[in-house]
Amino acid sequence: MKKKEGLNLKRLLAILCIMTLTVGMLAGCANKKTEEPVDEPNTDVVKTSDFDYGHIFDNDGFTRDYKTSDYVTELPKYAGLEIPEEVATVNEADIEAHLNEFIFYYGYVNQVKDRAVVEGDRVNIDFIGYVDGDPFEAGNTKEQGVTVVAGSNAYVEGFLTQLIGHRPGETFDIYVTMPANFEYSEVAGKDAVFKTTINYIEERSEFTDEIVKEHLEEYRGWKTAEEALTAMRDETQKVQIRNYIADYLTDKAKELIDVEKLPEDYIKYFEDATVAFFTDQAGVMGISFESYISLYAQVDTKEALLEKFRENNIKEAQRTLLVQAIAEQEGIKLTDDEVLPYMTEINAGDEEKIEMFGMPYVKHILLYHKVVDFICDKAILP
């Protein structure tokens, strides 16, 4: 059994939050340090573009030139919002899946070599890819071993499905067609053969008090596996409720705010922010904007990117106004002195993020959190 040393706290928090990850904001009702982004501009990005994310917001994080009263004529029910039973119920399969990820991440793994691979197995493999009989650099694990999930679509289509039924120690050929938009153009769209060896199947060890004490007690205060599992279930429920509220606000904003009345320059802000986000991410990875959107958005031009995200941008424009209208109704805002402590509380960054994005934009982001906090606190559980 191999155990990985060291602790990546951000990775741990992402695993323990047990929620969907999208481009967006941190979310959660309580104990917010374990929470992750939900459908809002991401504050966890290194800014490499020259776009001013905060130029439409005032010093309180509210839209400066767009009055909510011009677009939001009716507020939905938000105080005393009833949470459906299925939202408040934690799926034990989700807990188990993320617990698996956590245990595998820290290397508490048993290497199994006495059975065939079945769908869903974590399998450690090595391979060398050939196109037209010649090996290519991007298709070689160089005997370092890589762990994959049999039957998933994480690799080239059909690759991981062909692992099923083989046993550790076997070497065999996998036949695929490389994607037409594959990063390495010399093999893009071509038929390839991967000579593949299954090293072993990974099965996780039990989640024990020892693991909790070594990796979680210092950061979370948990001392036993039972205590950790109880806390994970509680936090999962809180995240599910917050996601439900986020979706509720989005749906109500779409229902109550006429998109035809939204100014084009207001919509354009969200389009420009989308381009800036992808530009920033491309800069972090050290690749071109075109390469990044091709890899991660499956489009080839800025125009195609904006078309793909137009509906999302409109929804975000609508929800921004609705959240602001609720904040105005309830007197929700943050002073400059409150910003950094609240960012720390919800794990949304530090002074560097304020310098990078500016106080108006940071307050705009945090305003969303504060409104959802308010709704969470007053929500009615089944």
Protein backbone atom coordinates (compact mmCIF):
# COMPACT_ATOMS: atom_id res chain seq x y z
CA MET A 1 0.00 0.00 0.00
CA LYS A 2 1.51 3.27 -1.12
CA LYS A 3 0.78 6.49 0.75
CA LYS A 4 1.34 9.90 -0.84
CA GLU A 5 3.03 12.42 1.43
CA GLY A 6 2.06 16.06 1.84
CA LEU A 7 -1.18 17.96 1.90
CA ASN A 8 -2.73 20.08 -0.82
CA LEU A 9 -5.30 21.96 1.24
CA LYS A 10 -7.15 23.44 -1.72
CA ARG A 11 -7.51 19.99 -3.29
CA LEU A 12 -8.74 18.59 0.01
CA LEU A 13 -11.35 21.30 0.38
CA ALA A 14 -12.52 20.71 -3.18
CA ILE A 15 -13.00 17.02 -2.46
CA LEU A 16 -14.72 17.54 0.86
CA CYS A 17 -17.14 20.13 -0.48
CA ILE A 18 -18.77 17.33 -2.55
CA MET A 19 -20.50 19.45 -5.10
CA THR A 20 -20.58 20.23 -8.79
CA LEU A 21 -17.72 22.31 -10.06
CA THR A 22 -18.43 24.88 -12.70
CA VAL A 23 -16.84 28.10 -13.79
CA GLY A 24 -17.96 30.27 -10.93
CA MET A 25 -18.40 31.43 -7.41
CA LEU A 26 -17.84 29.72 -4.12
CA ALA A 27 -21.00 28.48 -2.43
CA GLY A 28 -22.29 27.08 0.86
CA CYS A 29 -24.54 27.88 3.81
CA ALA A 30 -22.30 27.43 6.80
CA ASN A 31 -18.69 26.54 7.53
CA LYS A 32 -18.00 28.12 4.16
CA LYS A 33 -14.30 27.26 4.01
CA THR A 34 -15.20 23.94 2.41
CA GLU A 35 -17.18 25.38 -0.44
CA GLU A 36 -16.63 25.53 -4.17
CA PRO A 37 -17.70 27.60 -7.19
CA VAL A 38 -21.26 27.68 -8.55
CA ASP A 39 -22.19 29.42 -11.81
CA GLU A 40 -20.53 32.82 -11.29
CA PRO A 41 -17.38 34.51 -12.64
CA ASN A 42 -14.39 32.71 -11.17
CA THR A 43 -12.26 34.55 -8.61
CA ASP A 44 -9.73 31.71 -8.56
CA VAL A 45 -7.89 32.71 -11.73
CA VAL A 46 -4.65 34.50 -12.43
CA LYS A 47 -5.53 37.62 -14.40
CA THR A 48 -3.49 37.97 -17.59
CA SER A 49 -5.90 40.03 -19.72
CA ASP A 50 -6.32 43.80 -19.47
CA PHE A 51 -10.10 43.57 -19.04
CA ASP A 52 -11.49 45.61 -16.12
CA TYR A 53 -13.95 43.22 -14.50
CA GLY A 54 -15.30 45.93 -12.21
CA HIS A 55 -15.90 48.82 -14.57
CA ILE A 56 -19.73 48.58 -14.46
CA PHE A 57 -19.91 48.34 -10.66
CA ASP A 58 -19.83 51.06 -8.02
CA ASN A 59 -17.87 50.96 -4.77
CA ASP A 60 -20.57 48.78 -3.16
CA GLY A 61 -20.49 46.18 -5.95
CA PHE A 62 -23.83 47.29 -7.43
CA THR A 63 -24.28 48.03 -11.12
CA ARG A 64 -23.53 51.71 -11.54
CA ASP A 65 -25.52 52.67 -14.63
CA TYR A 66 -28.34 50.14 -14.52
CA LYS A 67 -31.05 50.63 -11.90
CA THR A 68 -32.74 47.43 -10.80
CA SER A 69 -36.10 49.19 -10.63
CA ASP A 70 -35.98 49.63 -14.41
CA TYR A 71 -35.82 45.87 -14.96
CA VAL A 72 -37.01 44.10 -11.77
CA THR A 73 -40.63 45.05 -11.16
CA GLU A 74 -41.44 42.09 -8.92
CA LEU A 75 -39.40 40.10 -6.42
CA PRO A 76 -39.87 36.34 -6.03
CA LYS A 77 -40.38 34.68 -2.65
CA TYR A 78 -36.94 34.29 -1.09
CA ALA A 79 -37.37 34.61 2.69
CA GLY A 80 -38.83 31.37 4.05
CA LEU A 81 -38.07 29.51 0.83
CA GLU A 82 -39.16 25.87 1.19
CA ILE A 83 -36.44 23.38 0.30
CA PRO A 84 -37.67 20.19 -1.44
CA GLU A 85 -37.00 16.91 0.36
CA GLU A 86 -34.89 15.56 -2.49
CA VAL A 87 -32.59 18.59 -2.22
CA ALA A 88 -32.19 18.21 1.55
CA THR A 89 -31.50 14.46 1.24
CA VAL A 90 -27.87 13.40 0.92
CA ASN A 91 -27.11 10.66 -1.60
CA GLU A 92 -24.79 8.19 0.10
CA ALA A 93 -23.41 7.17 -3.29
CA ASP A 94 -22.11 10.73 -3.74
CA ILE A 95 -20.43 10.60 -0.33
CA GLU A 96 -18.83 7.29 -1.22
CA ALA A 97 -17.62 8.55 -4.62
CA HIS A 98 -15.93 11.62 -3.20
CA LEU A 99 -14.58 9.66 -0.27
CA ASN A 100 -13.00 7.34 -2.83
CA GLU A 101 -11.42 10.33 -4.55
CA PHE A 102 -10.00 11.60 -1.28
CA ILE A 103 -8.54 8.24 -0.25
CA PHE A 104 -7.11 7.58 -3.71
CA TYR A 105 -5.61 11.08 -3.77
CA TYR A 106 -3.60 10.37 -0.63
CA GLY A 107 -2.47 7.03 -1.97
CA TYR A 108 -4.22 4.64 0.39
CA VAL A 109 -4.49 2.12 -2.40
CA ASN A 110 -4.35 -1.66 -2.68
CA GLN A 111 -2.90 -2.96 -5.95
CA VAL A 112 -5.06 -5.78 -7.28
CA LYS A 113 -3.64 -8.12 -9.92
CA ASP A 114 -5.80 -11.24 -9.71
CA ARG A 115 -8.95 -10.31 -11.61
CA ALA A 116 -10.14 -8.79 -14.89
CA VAL A 117 -10.96 -5.10 -15.29
CA VAL A 118 -14.64 -4.14 -15.06
CA GLU A 119 -16.32 -0.86 -15.98
CA GLY A 120 -15.66 1.82 -13.39
CA ASP A 121 -12.40 0.30 -12.11
CA ARG A 122 -9.46 2.59 -11.48
CA VAL A 123 -6.69 1.03 -13.54
CA ASN A 124 -2.99 1.90 -13.70
CA ILE A 125 -1.71 1.51 -17.26
CA ASP A 126 1.19 2.31 -19.54
CA PHE A 127 0.96 2.78 -23.28
CA ILE A 128 2.77 3.84 -26.44
CA GLY A 129 0.73 5.30 -29.29
CA TYR A 130 1.50 4.70 -32.95
CA VAL A 131 0.21 6.51 -36.05
CA ASP A 132 1.17 5.15 -39.46
CA GLY A 133 3.47 2.72 -37.63
CA ASP A 134 5.48 5.46 -35.94
CA PRO A 135 5.32 6.29 -32.19
CA PHE A 136 4.31 9.83 -31.25
CA GLU A 137 5.48 11.76 -28.21
CA ALA A 138 2.08 12.74 -26.84
CA GLY A 139 0.96 9.11 -26.77
CA ASN A 140 3.67 7.69 -24.52
CA THR A 141 3.49 7.26 -20.73
CA LYS A 142 7.22 6.43 -20.70
CA GLU A 143 6.59 3.63 -18.19
CA GLN A 144 5.56 6.16 -15.56
CA GLY A 145 2.10 4.63 -15.18
CA VAL A 146 -1.14 6.60 -15.35
CA THR A 147 -4.37 5.85 -13.49
CA VAL A 148 -7.59 5.95 -15.51
CA VAL A 149 -11.20 4.88 -15.05
CA ALA A 150 -12.17 1.96 -17.27
CA GLY A 151 -15.12 2.75 -19.52
CA SER A 152 -15.02 6.51 -18.99
CA ASN A 153 -14.62 9.16 -21.71
CA ALA A 154 -11.63 10.91 -20.15
CA TYR A 155 -9.35 9.89 -23.02
CA VAL A 156 -9.86 9.53 -26.76
CA GLU A 157 -13.32 8.12 -27.45
CA GLY A 158 -13.36 4.36 -27.05
CA PHE A 159 -9.88 4.10 -25.54
CA LEU A 160 -10.79 3.33 -21.93
CA THR A 161 -13.69 1.06 -22.85
CA GLN A 162 -11.21 -1.33 -24.45
CA LEU A 163 -9.52 -1.94 -21.11
CA ILE A 164 -12.58 -3.83 -19.84
CA GLY A 165 -12.10 -7.59 -19.66
CA HIS A 166 -8.30 -7.53 -19.66
CA ARG A 167 -6.19 -8.48 -16.66
CA PRO A 168 -3.15 -6.91 -14.97
CA GLY A 169 0.03 -8.04 -16.69
CA GLU A 170 -1.57 -8.20 -20.14
CA THR A 171 -0.21 -6.18 -23.05
CA PHE A 172 -2.57 -5.62 -25.97
CA ASP A 173 -3.48 -3.13 -28.72
CA ILE A 174 -6.15 -0.45 -28.42
CA TYR A 175 -7.49 1.00 -31.69
CA VAL A 176 -8.90 4.54 -31.83
CA THR A 177 -9.26 7.54 -34.11
CA MET A 178 -7.61 10.69 -32.77
CA PRO A 179 -9.90 13.76 -32.47
CA ALA A 180 -9.81 16.15 -35.41
CA ASN A 181 -9.06 19.04 -33.01
CA PHE A 182 -6.33 17.16 -31.12
CA GLU A 183 -3.67 19.52 -29.79
CA TYR A 184 -0.89 17.82 -31.78
CA SER A 185 -1.84 18.41 -35.40
CA GLU A 186 0.48 15.75 -36.81
CA VAL A 187 -1.79 13.01 -35.45
CA ALA A 188 -5.13 14.85 -35.37
CA GLY A 189 -7.92 12.93 -37.10
CA LYS A 190 -5.74 9.89 -37.79
CA ASP A 191 -6.20 6.26 -36.82
CA ALA A 192 -3.92 5.26 -33.95
CA VAL A 193 -2.87 2.05 -32.20
CA PHE A 194 -1.88 2.14 -28.53
CA LYS A 195 0.17 -0.78 -27.26
CA THR A 196 -1.16 -0.90 -23.72
CA THR A 197 -0.12 -2.71 -20.55
CA ILE A 198 -2.33 -3.01 -17.49
CA ASN A 199 -0.12 -2.69 -14.42
CA TYR A 200 -2.75 -3.16 -11.71
CA ILE A 201 -6.28 -2.35 -10.60
CA GLU A 202 -6.58 0.15 -7.75
CA GLU A 203 -8.92 -0.55 -4.87
CA ARG A 204 -9.06 1.92 -2.03
CA SER A 205 -8.36 1.12 1.59
CA GLU A 206 -10.97 1.70 4.28
CA PHE A 207 -11.53 5.22 5.58
CA THR A 208 -10.00 4.93 9.04
CA ASP A 209 -9.41 7.04 12.14
CA GLU A 210 -5.70 6.95 11.21
CA ILE A 211 -6.36 8.66 7.87
CA VAL A 212 -8.54 11.30 9.53
CA LYS A 213 -5.94 12.09 12.19
CA GLU A 214 -3.13 12.34 9.66
CA HIS A 215 -4.85 14.48 7.03
CA LEU A 216 -7.97 16.10 8.47
CA GLU A 217 -7.64 16.70 12.20
CA GLU A 218 -5.34 19.71 11.89
CA TYR A 219 -7.48 21.48 9.29
CA ARG A 220 -10.99 20.40 10.25
CA GLY A 221 -10.74 19.30 13.87
CA TRP A 222 -12.13 15.84 13.08
CA LYS A 223 -10.69 12.99 15.13
CA THR A 224 -12.50 9.89 13.89
CA ALA A 225 -13.78 8.52 10.59
CA GLU A 226 -17.33 8.52 11.95
CA GLU A 227 -17.10 12.19 12.92
CA ALA A 228 -15.67 13.09 9.52
CA LEU A 229 -18.40 11.23 7.64
CA THR A 230 -21.12 12.94 9.68
CA ALA A 231 -19.60 16.34 8.94
CA MET A 232 -19.26 15.52 5.24
CA ARG A 233 -22.94 14.60 5.05
CA ASP A 234 -23.92 17.85 6.79
CA GLU A 235 -21.75 19.92 4.49
CA THR A 236 -23.02 18.10 1.42
CA GLN A 237 -26.59 18.92 2.41
CA LYS A 238 -25.67 22.59 2.84
CA VAL A 239 -24.01 22.68 -0.57
CA GLN A 240 -27.02 21.02 -2.21
CA ILE A 241 -29.33 23.58 -0.64
CA ARG A 242 -27.15 26.44 -1.81
CA ASN A 243 -27.02 25.06 -5.34
CA TYR A 244 -30.81 24.82 -5.29
CA ILE A 245 -31.04 28.47 -4.25
CA ALA A 246 -28.61 29.47 -7.01
CA ASP A 247 -30.76 27.66 -9.58
CA TYR A 248 -33.91 29.16 -8.06
CA LEU A 249 -32.56 32.68 -8.42
CA THR A 250 -31.49 32.00 -12.00
CA ASP A 251 -34.91 30.60 -12.94
CA LYS A 252 -36.79 33.43 -11.24
CA ALA A 253 -34.57 36.04 -12.86
CA LYS A 254 -35.33 34.56 -16.27
CA GLU A 255 -39.04 34.49 -15.46
CA LEU A 256 -39.29 38.03 -14.06
CA ILE A 257 -36.79 40.04 -16.10
CA ASP A 258 -37.56 40.68 -19.76
CA VAL A 259 -34.38 40.03 -21.70
CA GLU A 260 -35.61 42.29 -24.49
CA LYS A 261 -35.40 45.26 -22.13
CA LEU A 262 -31.79 44.65 -21.12
CA PRO A 263 -29.39 47.14 -22.76
CA GLU A 264 -27.01 45.62 -25.27
CA ASP A 265 -24.03 47.27 -23.60
CA TYR A 266 -25.02 45.57 -20.33
CA ILE A 267 -25.11 42.17 -22.04
CA LYS A 268 -21.82 43.02 -23.73
CA TYR A 269 -20.14 43.33 -20.33
CA PHE A 270 -20.81 39.65 -19.64
CA GLU A 271 -19.63 38.72 -23.12
CA ASP A 272 -16.41 40.67 -22.63
CA ALA A 273 -15.97 39.03 -19.22
CA THR A 274 -16.33 35.60 -20.84
CA VAL A 275 -13.62 36.37 -23.39
CA ALA A 276 -11.41 37.78 -20.63
CA PHE A 277 -11.89 34.67 -18.51
CA PHE A 278 -10.80 32.35 -21.32
CA THR A 279 -7.92 34.71 -22.15
CA ASP A 280 -6.80 34.63 -18.52
CA GLN A 281 -6.97 30.84 -18.38
CA ALA A 282 -5.05 30.51 -21.64
CA GLY A 283 -2.39 32.82 -20.22
CA VAL A 284 -2.07 30.68 -17.11
CA MET A 285 -1.55 27.58 -19.25
CA GLY A 286 0.86 29.37 -21.56
CA ILE A 287 -1.09 28.63 -24.74
CA SER A 288 -2.92 30.81 -27.23
CA PHE A 289 -6.52 31.90 -26.75
CA GLU A 290 -7.51 29.96 -29.87
CA SER A 291 -5.87 26.77 -28.63
CA TYR A 292 -7.52 27.09 -25.22
CA ILE A 293 -11.06 27.61 -26.51
CA SER A 294 -10.59 24.76 -28.95
CA LEU A 295 -9.54 22.41 -26.16
CA TYR A 296 -11.96 23.46 -23.44
CA ALA A 297 -14.94 25.01 -25.24
CA GLN A 298 -14.74 23.03 -28.49
CA VAL A 299 -14.97 26.18 -30.62
CA ASP A 300 -12.45 27.81 -32.92
CA THR A 301 -13.26 31.54 -32.84
CA LYS A 302 -14.23 34.23 -30.36
CA GLU A 303 -17.53 34.68 -32.18
CA ALA A 304 -18.33 30.97 -31.81
CA LEU A 305 -17.38 31.14 -28.13
CA LEU A 306 -19.77 34.03 -27.50
CA GLU A 307 -22.54 32.27 -29.38
CA LYS A 308 -22.03 29.15 -27.28
CA PHE A 309 -22.16 31.14 -24.03
CA ARG A 310 -24.81 33.69 -25.05
CA GLU A 311 -27.64 32.01 -23.14
CA ASN A 312 -25.47 31.66 -20.04
CA ASN A 313 -24.40 35.28 -20.25
CA ILE A 314 -28.00 36.46 -20.53
CA LYS A 315 -28.96 34.36 -17.51
CA GLU A 316 -26.07 35.83 -15.55
CA ALA A 317 -27.07 39.36 -16.56
CA GLN A 318 -30.62 38.70 -15.37
CA ARG A 319 -29.56 37.08 -12.12
CA THR A 320 -27.12 39.86 -11.31
CA LEU A 321 -30.00 42.35 -11.37
CA LEU A 322 -32.27 40.12 -9.29
CA VAL A 323 -29.60 39.49 -6.64
CA GLN A 324 -28.92 43.21 -6.51
CA ALA A 325 -32.64 43.97 -6.13
CA ILE A 326 -32.86 41.57 -3.16
CA ALA A 327 -29.73 43.10 -1.64
CA GLU A 328 -31.25 46.57 -1.97
CA GLN A 329 -34.53 45.39 -0.46
CA GLU A 330 -32.79 43.81 2.55
CA GLY A 331 -30.01 46.38 2.95
CA ILE A 332 -27.30 43.81 2.27
CA LYS A 333 -23.84 45.20 1.53
CA LEU A 334 -20.24 44.99 2.70
CA THR A 335 -17.93 47.73 3.93
CA ASP A 336 -14.32 47.74 2.78
CA ASP A 337 -13.28 46.44 6.21
CA GLU A 338 -15.68 43.51 5.95
CA VAL A 339 -14.47 42.32 2.55
CA LEU A 340 -11.23 40.55 3.44
CA PRO A 341 -12.60 38.70 6.51
CA TYR A 342 -15.58 37.50 4.45
CA MET A 343 -13.32 36.40 1.59
CA THR A 344 -11.30 34.40 4.11
CA GLU A 345 -14.48 32.92 5.59
CA ILE A 346 -15.68 31.56 2.25
CA ASN A 347 -12.22 30.74 0.92
CA ALA A 348 -12.50 33.25 -1.94
CA GLY A 349 -8.95 34.58 -1.94
CA ASP A 350 -6.95 37.31 -0.25
CA GLU A 351 -5.57 40.81 -0.81
CA GLU A 352 -4.02 39.67 -4.09
CA LYS A 353 -7.47 39.02 -5.54
CA ILE A 354 -8.60 42.50 -4.51
CA GLU A 355 -5.56 44.04 -6.19
CA MET A 356 -6.06 41.88 -9.25
CA PHE A 357 -9.80 42.46 -9.81
CA GLY A 358 -10.48 45.66 -7.88
CA MET A 359 -12.78 46.26 -4.92
CA PRO A 360 -15.98 46.95 -6.95
CA TYR A 361 -15.85 43.57 -8.70
CA VAL A 362 -14.87 41.68 -5.55
CA LYS A 363 -17.80 43.27 -3.69
CA HIS A 364 -20.09 42.34 -6.58
CA ILE A 365 -19.00 38.71 -6.23
CA LEU A 366 -19.36 38.73 -2.45
CA LEU A 367 -22.76 40.41 -2.68
CA TYR A 368 -24.05 37.28 -4.38
CA HIS A 369 -22.73 35.21 -1.49
CA LYS A 370 -24.31 37.46 1.11
CA VAL A 371 -27.71 37.29 -0.58
CA VAL A 372 -27.56 33.51 -0.78
CA ASP A 373 -26.42 33.42 2.86
CA PHE A 374 -29.53 35.43 3.73
CA ILE A 375 -31.82 33.06 1.83
CA CYS A 376 -30.08 30.00 3.29
CA ASP A 377 -30.46 31.24 6.82
CA LYS A 378 -34.21 31.74 6.36
CA ALA A 379 -34.85 28.59 4.32
CA ILE A 380 -37.39 26.03 5.58
CA LEU A 381 -36.22 22.41 5.52
CA PRO A 382 -38.64 19.47 5.13
